[in-house]
Amino acid sequence: MSWLESLRRSVVRALGSDMRWLRQELRARGIKVHLTDACLRELAEDADAAAKRSCSTGAAGYVSELRGQLAARAEFIRTWTMSDDDIDLQGLSRDHLVKVARKYALPRPWRLSEPVAHECARPTPTYLYWARAS
């Protein structure tokens, strides 16, 4: 990472632009779940680390990489809170994001299966024995 990109990173982090951009991405995706500042901060730090890694190896600028990483995390939060589908993360550390989601107790909708009646396997109902005094 060049010194100019390091300076841009410092300015973005000092001004809190990363958290503001993450909030904008969440609003753009229609996420209604309230996320705490600590959760947003942890997601922004994770995006920052990923952007820093990819910026040092690639030709893209830090700010554009960071915005892409923040958009990917906002998409993860949308998928986590709005659907019960499997989460397909391309290039993201899935385990870390799932840990963050569980750490801050982000809600997850669950599909319930259709209720089905099953026949009892016991030969004699147990309620016949409750009143015996032997």
Protein backbone atom coordinates (compact mmCIF):
# COMPACT_ATOMS: atom_id res chain seq x y z
CA MET A 1 0.00 0.00 0.00
CA SER A 2 1.45 3.35 -1.00
CA TRP A 3 1.79 6.25 1.41
CA LEU A 4 -1.02 8.07 -0.42
CA GLU A 5 -3.39 5.14 0.09
CA SER A 6 -2.30 4.92 3.74
CA LEU A 7 -3.13 8.62 4.13
CA ARG A 8 -6.55 8.10 2.54
CA ARG A 9 -7.17 5.16 4.88
CA SER A 10 -6.27 7.27 7.91
CA VAL A 11 -8.57 10.10 6.83
CA VAL A 12 -11.50 7.75 6.10
CA ARG A 13 -11.10 6.03 9.47
CA ALA A 14 -10.64 9.30 11.40
CA LEU A 15 -13.75 10.90 9.90
CA GLY A 16 -15.88 7.81 10.44
CA SER A 17 -16.75 7.63 6.76
CA ASP A 18 -16.56 3.85 6.75
CA MET A 19 -19.41 3.50 9.27
CA ARG A 20 -21.45 6.16 7.47
CA TRP A 21 -21.00 4.33 4.15
CA LEU A 22 -21.98 1.04 5.80
CA ARG A 23 -25.16 2.62 7.18
CA GLN A 24 -25.96 3.98 3.70
CA GLU A 25 -25.47 0.53 2.18
CA LEU A 26 -27.76 -1.00 4.80
CA ARG A 27 -30.45 1.63 4.15
CA ALA A 28 -30.14 1.11 0.39
CA ARG A 29 -30.84 -2.59 0.86
CA GLY A 30 -33.89 -1.91 3.03
CA ILE A 31 -32.59 -3.47 6.22
CA LYS A 32 -34.85 -2.51 9.13
CA VAL A 33 -32.94 -4.35 11.87
CA HIS A 34 -31.29 -2.02 14.36
CA LEU A 35 -27.54 -2.62 14.50
CA THR A 36 -25.53 -1.33 17.42
CA ASP A 37 -22.55 0.94 16.88
CA ALA A 38 -20.25 -1.79 18.14
CA CYS A 39 -21.59 -4.22 15.52
CA LEU A 40 -21.21 -1.64 12.77
CA ARG A 41 -17.71 -0.81 13.97
CA GLU A 42 -16.67 -4.47 13.92
CA LEU A 43 -18.08 -4.95 10.42
CA ALA A 44 -16.33 -1.77 9.24
CA GLU A 45 -13.02 -2.91 10.77
CA ASP A 46 -13.36 -6.26 9.04
CA ALA A 47 -14.05 -4.51 5.72
CA ASP A 48 -11.08 -2.22 6.36
CA ALA A 49 -8.74 -5.16 6.92
CA ALA A 50 -9.97 -6.89 3.76
CA ALA A 51 -9.65 -3.68 1.72
CA LYS A 52 -6.15 -3.11 3.05
CA ARG A 53 -5.14 -6.67 2.11
CA SER A 54 -6.57 -6.46 -1.40
CA CYS A 55 -5.28 -2.92 -1.96
CA SER A 56 -1.71 -3.97 -1.24
CA THR A 57 -1.93 -6.77 -3.82
CA GLY A 58 -4.10 -5.19 -6.51
CA ALA A 59 -4.22 -2.01 -8.54
CA ALA A 60 -7.54 -0.70 -7.17
CA GLY A 61 -7.58 2.24 -4.78
CA TYR A 62 -8.27 1.84 -1.08
CA VAL A 63 -11.49 3.85 -1.07
CA SER A 64 -13.09 1.89 -3.91
CA GLU A 65 -11.98 -1.40 -2.33
CA LEU A 66 -13.41 -0.34 1.02
CA ARG A 67 -16.75 0.62 -0.50
CA GLY A 68 -16.93 -2.74 -2.24
CA GLN A 69 -16.13 -4.59 0.98
CA LEU A 70 -18.74 -2.57 2.90
CA ALA A 71 -21.33 -3.38 0.22
CA ALA A 72 -20.49 -7.08 0.56
CA ARG A 73 -20.99 -6.93 4.33
CA ALA A 74 -24.29 -5.09 3.93
CA GLU A 75 -25.41 -7.82 1.53
CA PHE A 76 -24.41 -10.42 4.13
CA ILE A 77 -26.50 -8.65 6.78
CA ARG A 78 -29.45 -8.47 4.36
CA THR A 79 -29.21 -12.18 3.62
CA TRP A 80 -28.75 -13.05 7.30
CA THR A 81 -31.72 -11.04 8.56
CA MET A 82 -34.21 -11.36 5.70
CA SER A 83 -33.91 -14.93 4.45
CA ASP A 84 -33.26 -18.44 5.62
CA ASP A 85 -31.22 -19.33 2.55
CA ASP A 86 -27.66 -20.57 2.64
CA ILE A 87 -25.21 -17.73 2.57
CA ASP A 88 -22.86 -17.75 -0.39
CA LEU A 89 -19.87 -15.58 0.36
CA GLN A 90 -17.39 -15.08 -2.41
CA GLY A 91 -14.03 -14.00 -1.06
CA LEU A 92 -15.37 -13.08 2.39
CA SER A 93 -14.45 -14.73 5.64
CA ARG A 94 -17.80 -16.42 6.24
CA ASP A 95 -16.92 -17.76 9.67
CA HIS A 96 -15.94 -14.35 10.99
CA LEU A 97 -19.12 -12.68 9.69
CA VAL A 98 -21.30 -15.43 11.15
CA LYS A 99 -19.51 -15.00 14.51
CA VAL A 100 -20.21 -11.27 14.41
CA ALA A 101 -23.88 -11.88 13.57
CA ARG A 102 -24.23 -14.34 16.44
CA LYS A 103 -22.23 -12.19 18.84
CA TYR A 104 -24.62 -9.27 18.38
CA ALA A 105 -27.70 -11.56 18.21
CA LEU A 106 -28.86 -10.48 14.78
CA PRO A 107 -32.25 -12.06 14.11
CA ARG A 108 -32.59 -14.81 11.55
CA PRO A 109 -35.94 -15.89 10.09
CA TRP A 110 -36.54 -19.61 10.27
CA ARG A 111 -38.84 -21.60 8.06
CA LEU A 112 -40.99 -24.04 9.95
CA SER A 113 -41.84 -27.36 8.41
CA GLU A 114 -45.43 -28.38 7.86
CA PRO A 115 -46.92 -30.08 10.94
CA VAL A 116 -47.39 -33.81 10.44
CA ALA A 117 -49.18 -36.19 12.80
CA HIS A 118 -47.25 -39.32 13.70
CA GLU A 119 -48.66 -42.52 15.13
CA CYS A 120 -47.60 -43.31 18.68
CA ALA A 121 -45.23 -46.25 18.88
CA ARG A 122 -46.14 -47.25 22.45
CA PRO A 123 -48.54 -50.22 22.67
CA THR A 124 -50.49 -49.01 25.71
CA PRO A 125 -51.25 -45.36 26.48
CA THR A 126 -49.42 -44.21 29.59
CA TYR A 127 -52.42 -42.34 31.04
CA LEU A 128 -54.00 -45.68 31.98
CA TYR A 129 -51.41 -46.19 34.74
CA TRP A 130 -51.46 -42.87 36.53
CA ALA A 131 -54.17 -43.65 39.12
CA ARG A 132 -52.97 -47.07 40.26
CA ALA A 133 -51.92 -47.24 43.88
CA SER A 134 -49.80 -50.36 43.79
